[in-house]
């Protein structure tokens, strides 16, 4: 049971590079601690999203054997937990570190028996009648999204006689890991079909997955001609910290706790990668763009999810609260450009979405999801789809 406490490594959210978060839980009689209190502190201090209803209320007794094992493992640097001054102290490592992410998965597989392997149904999907000579678009979804969000986009492509491929991946895991798999799948496809040429349409975080492939020299598959990024947070999103809360809400609504969907989709690393100034974004934006032959196109939405009158009212209400950290954090969030009409699409700011120095850039009076959820009636005539096919010089069905 004590070893399960180490799973909380996977819950760290706010630690920046080379930083740690120490969680200290009181030991009753120097030997009993509350696993629920340990999880509660991680939720509060590390912005974790551990469902407390799944954590037993019963105290755990630290046996002499466990104390000795902790002491040995601590000396060897294997376990970031120790007992001192009547407390169990767990040190959470930087969640952006790749070695830490892999260690978190190993712990989960060992102590909970949950497979953290790449999901069998994820990866590159081709139509049964795949034809490498046809006009082809590869669709890549974003954070907490899946193929269903591209249903109308597929309809538009079918009406325009465009073949669609789809790449599905654990949408809450490390962005680079998804990019690694996309690179492998496309390279394998290109080997069998060397004349294949693909335009990619990526929504939100999906654009970063594809940028990672194109801007990492040994990852480029050679078959991509154009990348259309719809609401991609190239500079990150200040709202990424709210993602764990959104995902937990969705899981709770589905009453899906027992499937461990939130864990198997990833451990929240995507939210860490999407934070402005994250290690992933800093490294990616320091790299050179792909060589000639791949064109970038960026689209940004200018319509927030929150009506402007409601946003202003919320800002005023927040300013009236008693000064302190909770009030200041709320005010700061409500003033983010992502939430303001004309500055963001409700999730990503225009500045973050529109990369400089690309082939083309467009803004649409749409919110973040409307960029990909095309109108139900004749989606092929939507402004977003028409911009894409006209840019590609695809003159008609």
Protein backbone atom coordinates (compact mmCIF):
# COMPACT_ATOMS: atom_id res chain seq x y z
CA UNK A 1 0.00 0.00 0.00
CA UNK A 2 2.79 2.41 0.81
CA UNK A 3 4.20 1.91 -2.65
CA UNK A 4 0.91 3.20 -4.08
CA UNK A 5 1.77 6.59 -2.66
CA UNK A 6 4.50 6.78 -5.23
CA UNK A 7 1.84 6.81 -7.94
CA UNK A 8 1.22 10.39 -6.95
CA UNK A 9 4.30 11.26 -8.92
CA UNK A 10 2.04 11.06 -11.93
CA UNK A 11 -0.24 13.73 -10.53
CA UNK A 12 2.22 16.63 -10.44
CA UNK A 13 1.08 19.59 -12.54
CA UNK A 14 2.63 22.87 -11.50
CA UNK A 15 6.26 21.98 -10.97
CA UNK A 16 8.43 23.83 -13.47
CA UNK A 17 11.77 22.62 -14.79
CA UNK A 18 14.16 21.55 -12.04
CA UNK A 19 11.52 22.16 -9.36
CA UNK A 20 9.94 19.81 -6.84
CA UNK A 21 6.76 19.79 -4.77
CA UNK A 22 7.01 18.26 -1.31
CA UNK A 23 3.82 16.73 0.10
CA UNK A 24 3.93 16.11 3.87
CA UNK A 25 1.29 13.93 5.55
CA UNK A 26 1.12 13.58 9.36
CA UNK A 27 1.86 10.19 10.87
CA UNK A 28 -0.42 9.25 13.76
CA UNK A 29 1.59 7.55 16.47
CA UNK A 30 4.47 7.78 14.06
CA UNK A 31 3.15 4.86 12.02
CA UNK A 32 -0.27 5.56 10.49
CA UNK A 33 -1.06 7.88 7.60
CA UNK A 34 -4.17 8.70 5.55
CA UNK A 35 -3.89 7.88 1.81
CA UNK A 36 -6.86 10.17 1.21
CA UNK A 37 -5.06 13.08 2.89
CA UNK A 38 -2.03 12.37 0.71
CA UNK A 39 -4.21 12.55 -2.41
CA UNK A 40 -6.06 15.63 -1.16
CA UNK A 41 -2.78 17.51 -0.75
CA UNK A 42 -1.67 16.49 -4.23
CA UNK A 43 -4.94 17.80 -5.65
CA UNK A 44 -4.54 21.06 -3.77
CA UNK A 45 -0.82 21.73 -4.05
CA UNK A 46 0.13 19.98 -7.28
CA UNK A 47 -3.08 20.62 -9.22
CA UNK A 48 -3.59 16.87 -9.56
CA UNK A 49 -6.91 15.30 -10.54
CA UNK A 50 -7.12 12.24 -8.31
CA UNK A 51 -10.74 11.17 -7.63
CA UNK A 52 -10.84 11.02 -3.82
CA UNK A 53 -13.89 8.75 -3.94
CA UNK A 54 -11.58 5.98 -5.19
CA UNK A 55 -9.11 6.40 -2.33
CA UNK A 56 -9.85 4.38 0.85
CA UNK A 57 -10.54 6.36 4.02
CA UNK A 58 -8.86 3.75 6.17
CA UNK A 59 -5.44 4.67 7.53
CA UNK A 60 -2.46 2.68 6.41
CA UNK A 61 0.03 1.27 8.90
CA UNK A 62 3.67 1.62 7.83
CA UNK A 63 5.32 -1.63 8.85
CA UNK A 64 8.92 -2.01 9.98
CA UNK A 65 9.71 -3.79 6.72
CA UNK A 66 8.31 -0.86 4.73
CA UNK A 67 10.35 1.60 6.80
CA UNK A 68 13.53 -0.31 6.03
CA UNK A 69 12.64 -0.57 2.34
CA UNK A 70 11.96 3.17 2.23
CA UNK A 71 15.27 3.94 3.88
CA UNK A 72 17.24 1.76 1.46
CA UNK A 73 15.36 2.99 -1.61
CA UNK A 74 15.80 6.60 -0.49
CA UNK A 75 19.55 6.21 -0.16
CA UNK A 76 19.69 4.68 -3.64
CA UNK A 77 17.58 7.52 -5.03
CA UNK A 78 14.88 5.11 -6.17
CA UNK A 79 11.94 6.40 -4.11
CA UNK A 80 11.13 10.09 -3.58
CA UNK A 81 9.52 9.44 -0.16
CA UNK A 82 10.86 9.42 3.39
CA UNK A 83 9.75 9.53 7.00
CA UNK A 84 10.94 12.47 9.06
CA UNK A 85 9.68 14.53 12.02
CA UNK A 86 6.53 12.47 12.37
CA UNK A 87 5.54 12.90 8.72
CA UNK A 88 5.53 10.94 5.49
CA UNK A 89 7.11 13.25 2.92
CA UNK A 90 6.66 12.56 -0.80
CA UNK A 91 8.67 14.63 -3.29
CA UNK A 92 7.01 15.03 -6.68
CA UNK A 93 9.40 15.43 -9.58
CA UNK A 94 9.17 17.77 -12.55
CA UNK A 95 6.28 16.32 -14.61
CA UNK A 96 7.74 17.65 -17.86
CA UNK A 97 10.79 15.42 -17.61
CA UNK A 98 10.53 12.49 -20.01
CA UNK A 99 12.25 10.01 -17.69
CA UNK A 100 9.79 10.94 -14.93
CA UNK A 101 6.86 10.38 -17.28
CA UNK A 102 8.08 6.90 -18.19
CA UNK A 103 8.72 6.08 -14.53
CA UNK A 104 5.17 7.16 -13.64
CA UNK A 105 3.75 4.69 -16.14
CA UNK A 106 5.93 1.88 -14.86
CA UNK A 107 4.67 2.52 -11.32
CA UNK A 108 1.05 2.48 -12.44
CA UNK A 109 1.49 -0.76 -14.36
CA UNK A 110 3.25 -2.37 -11.40
CA UNK A 111 0.99 -1.32 -8.55
CA UNK A 112 -2.44 -0.90 -10.18
CA UNK A 113 -2.12 -3.44 -12.97
CA UNK A 114 -3.30 -0.91 -15.55
CA UNK A 115 -1.65 -1.24 -18.94
CA UNK A 116 -0.02 1.98 -20.09
CA UNK A 117 0.90 0.59 -23.50
CA UNK A 118 -0.10 2.50 -26.63
CA UNK A 119 -3.86 1.78 -27.08
CA UNK A 120 -4.42 -0.93 -29.68
CA UNK A 121 -6.98 1.08 -31.64
CA UNK A 122 -4.87 4.24 -31.81
CA UNK A 123 -2.59 5.18 -34.66
CA UNK A 124 -2.95 5.95 -38.37
CA UNK A 125 -6.26 4.81 -39.90
CA UNK A 126 -6.71 4.36 -43.65
CA UNK A 127 -9.94 3.81 -45.59
CA UNK A 128 -10.55 0.30 -46.89
CA UNK A 129 -10.31 1.56 -50.46
CA UNK A 130 -7.16 3.61 -49.84
CA UNK A 131 -5.72 5.04 -53.07
CA UNK A 132 -2.30 6.75 -52.81
CA UNK A 133 -2.91 8.64 -56.06
CA UNK A 134 -6.03 10.50 -54.85
CA UNK A 135 -6.19 13.93 -53.21
CA UNK A 136 -5.65 13.11 -49.56
CA UNK A 137 -6.10 14.91 -46.25
CA UNK A 138 -4.85 13.53 -42.96
CA UNK A 139 -6.96 14.62 -39.98
CA UNK A 140 -5.39 14.96 -36.52
CA UNK A 141 -7.50 15.74 -33.46
CA UNK A 142 -6.60 17.81 -30.42
CA UNK A 143 -6.68 17.63 -26.63
CA UNK A 144 -9.51 15.54 -25.13
CA UNK A 145 -10.86 14.97 -28.62
CA UNK A 146 -11.33 12.10 -31.04
CA UNK A 147 -12.49 11.16 -34.52
CA UNK A 148 -16.10 12.15 -33.83
CA UNK A 149 -15.16 15.84 -33.90
CA UNK A 150 -14.16 15.45 -37.56
CA UNK A 151 -17.40 13.80 -38.67
CA UNK A 152 -18.66 16.81 -40.66
CA UNK A 153 -15.18 17.52 -41.95
CA UNK A 154 -15.14 14.02 -43.40
CA UNK A 155 -18.51 14.70 -45.01
CA UNK A 156 -17.09 17.85 -46.60
CA UNK A 157 -14.11 15.92 -47.93
CA UNK A 158 -16.37 13.22 -49.37
CA UNK A 159 -18.46 15.85 -51.17
CA UNK A 160 -15.23 17.28 -52.61
CA UNK A 161 -13.96 13.78 -53.54
CA UNK A 162 -11.05 14.05 -51.13
CA UNK A 163 -9.71 10.93 -49.44
CA UNK A 164 -9.30 11.18 -45.65
CA UNK A 165 -6.88 9.46 -43.31
CA UNK A 166 -7.10 9.85 -39.54
CA UNK A 167 -4.52 9.75 -36.76
CA UNK A 168 -5.78 8.89 -33.29
CA UNK A 169 -3.61 9.04 -30.16
CA UNK A 170 -3.87 9.18 -26.34
CA UNK A 171 -5.06 12.77 -26.20
CA UNK A 172 -3.87 13.54 -22.67
CA UNK A 173 -0.35 12.11 -22.93
CA UNK A 174 2.97 13.67 -23.95
CA UNK A 175 2.72 15.47 -27.28
CA UNK A 176 6.12 14.20 -28.41
CA UNK A 177 5.10 10.58 -27.83
CA UNK A 178 2.12 11.03 -30.14
CA UNK A 179 4.45 12.65 -32.68
CA UNK A 180 6.83 9.70 -32.50
CA UNK A 181 4.02 7.29 -33.37
CA UNK A 182 2.68 9.50 -36.18
CA UNK A 183 6.16 9.70 -37.67
CA UNK A 184 6.59 5.92 -37.58
CA UNK A 185 3.17 5.27 -39.12
CA UNK A 186 3.63 7.78 -41.94
CA UNK A 187 7.14 6.60 -42.73
CA UNK A 188 5.89 3.03 -43.04
CA UNK A 189 3.05 4.16 -45.29
CA UNK A 190 5.40 6.23 -47.45
CA UNK A 191 7.74 3.27 -47.95
CA UNK A 192 4.91 1.28 -49.48
CA UNK A 193 3.59 4.26 -51.45
CA UNK A 194 6.53 6.54 -52.32
CA UNK A 195 4.41 8.83 -54.51
CA UNK A 196 1.86 9.54 -51.78
CA UNK A 197 1.35 13.22 -50.96
CA UNK A 198 -0.71 14.31 -47.97
CA UNK A 199 -2.10 17.62 -46.70
CA UNK A 200 -2.64 17.61 -42.94
CA UNK A 201 -5.54 19.35 -41.20
CA UNK A 202 -4.87 19.43 -37.47
CA UNK A 203 -7.12 20.90 -34.82
CA UNK A 204 -5.76 22.54 -31.66
CA UNK A 205 -3.01 20.45 -30.01
CA UNK A 206 -2.95 18.17 -33.07
CA UNK A 207 -1.05 20.92 -34.88
CA UNK A 208 1.74 20.64 -32.30
CA UNK A 209 1.87 16.87 -32.78
CA UNK A 210 2.45 17.39 -36.52
CA UNK A 211 4.85 20.32 -36.02
CA UNK A 212 6.96 18.06 -33.78
CA UNK A 213 7.13 15.50 -36.61
CA UNK A 214 8.03 18.07 -39.25
CA UNK A 215 10.50 20.05 -37.15
CA UNK A 216 12.41 17.08 -35.75
CA UNK A 217 14.81 16.12 -38.60
CA UNK A 218 14.81 12.36 -38.02
CA UNK A 219 11.00 12.27 -37.72
CA UNK A 220 10.03 13.75 -41.11
CA UNK A 221 8.18 11.20 -43.28
CA UNK A 222 8.60 13.12 -46.54
CA UNK A 223 5.01 12.76 -47.77
CA UNK A 224 3.46 15.87 -46.15
CA UNK A 225 3.03 18.88 -48.44
CA UNK A 226 0.91 21.23 -46.30
CA UNK A 227 -0.04 21.62 -42.65
CA UNK A 228 -3.25 23.47 -41.78
CA UNK A 229 -3.40 24.32 -38.08
CA UNK A 230 -6.88 25.20 -36.79
CA UNK A 231 -6.65 26.96 -33.43
CA UNK A 232 -3.28 25.45 -32.58
CA UNK A 233 -1.72 26.86 -29.36
CA UNK A 234 1.76 27.35 -30.81
CA UNK A 235 2.74 29.54 -27.85
CA UNK A 236 0.66 27.57 -25.38
CA UNK A 237 -2.61 28.37 -23.67
CA UNK A 238 -3.04 29.96 -20.27
CA UNK A 239 -6.15 27.83 -19.82
CA UNK A 240 -4.30 24.51 -20.04
CA UNK A 241 -4.24 24.22 -16.25
CA UNK A 242 -8.02 23.77 -16.25
CA UNK A 243 -7.83 20.71 -18.49
CA UNK A 244 -7.65 18.11 -15.65
CA UNK A 245 -10.84 19.51 -14.14
CA UNK A 246 -12.62 19.36 -17.51
CA UNK A 247 -11.55 15.77 -18.08
CA UNK A 248 -12.64 14.64 -14.62
CA UNK A 249 -16.03 16.26 -15.14
CA UNK A 250 -16.47 14.43 -18.43
CA UNK A 251 -15.51 11.11 -16.85
CA UNK A 252 -17.87 11.69 -13.92
CA UNK A 253 -20.76 12.47 -16.26
CA UNK A 254 -20.09 9.24 -18.12
CA UNK A 255 -19.78 7.41 -14.76
CA UNK A 256 -16.72 5.85 -16.27
CA UNK A 257 -14.32 5.74 -13.31
CA UNK A 258 -13.88 1.97 -13.38
CA UNK A 259 -12.54 2.06 -16.93
CA UNK A 260 -9.65 4.32 -15.82
CA UNK A 261 -10.14 6.27 -19.05
CA UNK A 262 -8.52 9.39 -17.61
CA UNK A 263 -5.34 7.45 -16.85
CA UNK A 264 -5.13 5.38 -20.04
CA UNK A 265 -5.58 8.49 -22.19
CA UNK A 266 -2.51 9.92 -20.49
CA UNK A 267 -1.47 11.33 -17.15
CA UNK A 268 -2.12 14.96 -17.91
CA UNK A 269 1.26 15.52 -19.56
CA UNK A 270 -0.47 17.24 -22.48
CA UNK A 271 -1.66 20.02 -20.15
CA UNK A 272 1.91 20.46 -18.92
CA UNK A 273 3.21 20.63 -22.49
CA UNK A 274 0.58 23.23 -23.41
CA UNK A 275 1.53 25.69 -20.69
CA UNK A 276 3.18 28.84 -22.09
CA UNK A 277 6.93 28.48 -21.65
CA UNK A 278 6.82 24.69 -21.14
CA UNK A 279 9.88 22.63 -21.95
CA UNK A 280 8.13 21.10 -24.96
CA UNK A 281 7.01 24.43 -26.47
CA UNK A 282 10.31 26.16 -25.75
CA UNK A 283 12.25 23.40 -27.50
CA UNK A 284 9.83 23.20 -30.43
CA UNK A 285 9.73 26.95 -31.06
CA UNK A 286 13.52 27.16 -31.03
CA UNK A 287 13.78 24.69 -33.91
CA UNK A 288 13.92 25.58 -37.57
CA UNK A 289 10.88 25.09 -39.75
CA UNK A 290 10.98 22.18 -42.19
CA UNK A 291 12.82 22.76 -45.46
CA UNK A 292 11.08 23.90 -48.62
CA UNK A 293 8.34 21.54 -49.72
CA UNK A 294 6.14 21.78 -46.60
CA UNK A 295 3.86 24.80 -46.30
CA UNK A 296 2.34 25.99 -43.03
CA UNK A 297 -1.13 27.56 -42.85
CA UNK A 298 -2.62 28.91 -39.59
CA UNK A 299 -6.23 29.68 -38.72
CA UNK A 300 -7.45 31.40 -35.56
CA UNK A 301 -10.92 31.86 -34.15
CA UNK A 302 -11.96 35.28 -32.88
CA UNK A 303 -15.11 34.29 -30.99
CA UNK A 304 -14.98 33.24 -27.34
CA UNK A 305 -17.21 30.65 -25.69
CA UNK A 306 -18.10 33.26 -23.06
CA UNK A 307 -20.32 36.20 -24.12
CA UNK A 308 -18.49 39.49 -23.60
CA UNK A 309 -21.14 40.87 -21.23
CA UNK A 310 -20.88 37.75 -19.06
CA UNK A 311 -17.08 37.92 -19.06
CA UNK A 312 -17.07 41.58 -17.99
CA UNK A 313 -19.57 40.82 -15.21
CA UNK A 314 -17.41 37.92 -13.99
CA UNK A 315 -14.31 40.13 -14.01
CA UNK A 316 -16.09 42.77 -11.92
CA UNK A 317 -17.33 40.18 -9.45
CA UNK A 318 -13.83 38.74 -9.10
CA UNK A 319 -12.34 42.18 -8.45
CA UNK A 320 -14.81 42.69 -5.60
CA UNK A 321 -13.56 39.63 -3.72
CA UNK A 322 -11.22 39.88 -0.75
CA UNK A 323 -7.66 40.31 -1.88
CA UNK A 324 -5.53 37.19 -1.74
CA UNK A 325 -4.11 34.41 -3.89
CA UNK A 326 -7.45 32.79 -4.88
CA UNK A 327 -8.89 36.16 -5.89
CA UNK A 328 -5.76 37.18 -7.81
CA UNK A 329 -5.62 33.86 -9.68
CA UNK A 330 -9.30 34.15 -10.64
CA UNK A 331 -8.86 37.73 -11.86
CA UNK A 332 -5.79 36.72 -13.87
CA UNK A 333 -7.64 33.83 -15.52
CA UNK A 334 -10.66 35.97 -16.44
CA UNK A 335 -8.38 38.54 -18.07
CA UNK A 336 -6.65 36.01 -20.33
CA UNK A 337 -6.87 36.88 -24.05
CA UNK A 338 -8.04 33.33 -24.78
CA UNK A 339 -11.43 34.22 -23.26
CA UNK A 340 -11.98 37.60 -24.91
CA UNK A 341 -13.79 38.14 -28.21
CA UNK A 342 -11.39 39.48 -30.81
CA UNK A 343 -8.36 38.17 -28.92
CA UNK A 344 -9.07 34.46 -28.66
CA UNK A 345 -11.40 31.58 -29.52
CA UNK A 346 -12.29 30.61 -25.95
CA UNK A 347 -9.30 28.26 -25.59
CA UNK A 348 -6.39 29.69 -27.62
CA UNK A 349 -5.37 33.29 -28.19
CA UNK A 350 -5.07 34.64 -31.73
CA UNK A 351 -1.43 35.49 -31.06
CA UNK A 352 -0.69 31.89 -30.10
CA UNK A 353 -2.57 30.44 -33.08
CA UNK A 354 -1.08 32.61 -35.82
CA UNK A 355 2.56 31.72 -36.26
CA UNK A 356 4.63 34.40 -37.99
CA UNK A 357 6.42 33.67 -41.24
CA UNK A 358 4.04 30.99 -42.52
CA UNK A 359 2.56 30.55 -46.00
CA UNK A 360 -0.89 31.82 -45.06
CA UNK A 361 -2.85 33.01 -42.01
CA UNK A 362 -6.60 33.48 -41.56
CA UNK A 363 -9.01 34.46 -38.83
CA UNK A 364 -12.60 33.25 -38.63
CA UNK A 365 -15.42 34.56 -36.47
CA UNK A 366 -15.73 31.16 -34.81
CA UNK A 367 -14.92 29.67 -31.42
CA UNK A 368 -12.33 26.96 -30.82
CA UNK A 369 -14.56 23.97 -31.58
CA UNK A 370 -16.41 25.62 -34.46
CA UNK A 371 -13.12 25.71 -36.36
CA UNK A 372 -13.44 21.96 -36.81
CA UNK A 373 -17.14 21.28 -36.18
CA UNK A 374 -18.36 22.49 -39.56
CA UNK A 375 -22.03 23.39 -40.17
CA UNK A 376 -24.38 20.44 -40.52
CA UNK A 377 -25.82 21.68 -43.80
CA UNK A 378 -23.35 21.53 -46.70
CA UNK A 379 -20.19 21.55 -44.57
CA UNK A 380 -18.10 21.60 -47.76
CA UNK A 381 -19.21 25.19 -48.34
CA UNK A 382 -18.06 26.44 -44.93
CA UNK A 383 -15.47 29.21 -44.87
CA UNK A 384 -12.88 27.02 -43.13
CA UNK A 385 -13.16 24.14 -45.60
CA UNK A 386 -13.22 26.45 -48.61
CA UNK A 387 -10.09 28.21 -47.36
CA UNK A 388 -8.30 24.87 -47.18
CA UNK A 389 -9.26 23.51 -50.62
CA UNK A 390 -8.69 26.85 -52.32
CA UNK A 391 -5.27 27.19 -50.69
CA UNK A 392 -4.44 23.72 -52.00
CA UNK A 393 -5.71 24.80 -55.43
CA UNK A 394 -8.24 21.98 -55.48
CA UNK A 395 -10.73 23.59 -57.82
CA UNK A 396 -13.72 21.33 -57.29
CA UNK A 397 -15.10 17.86 -56.78
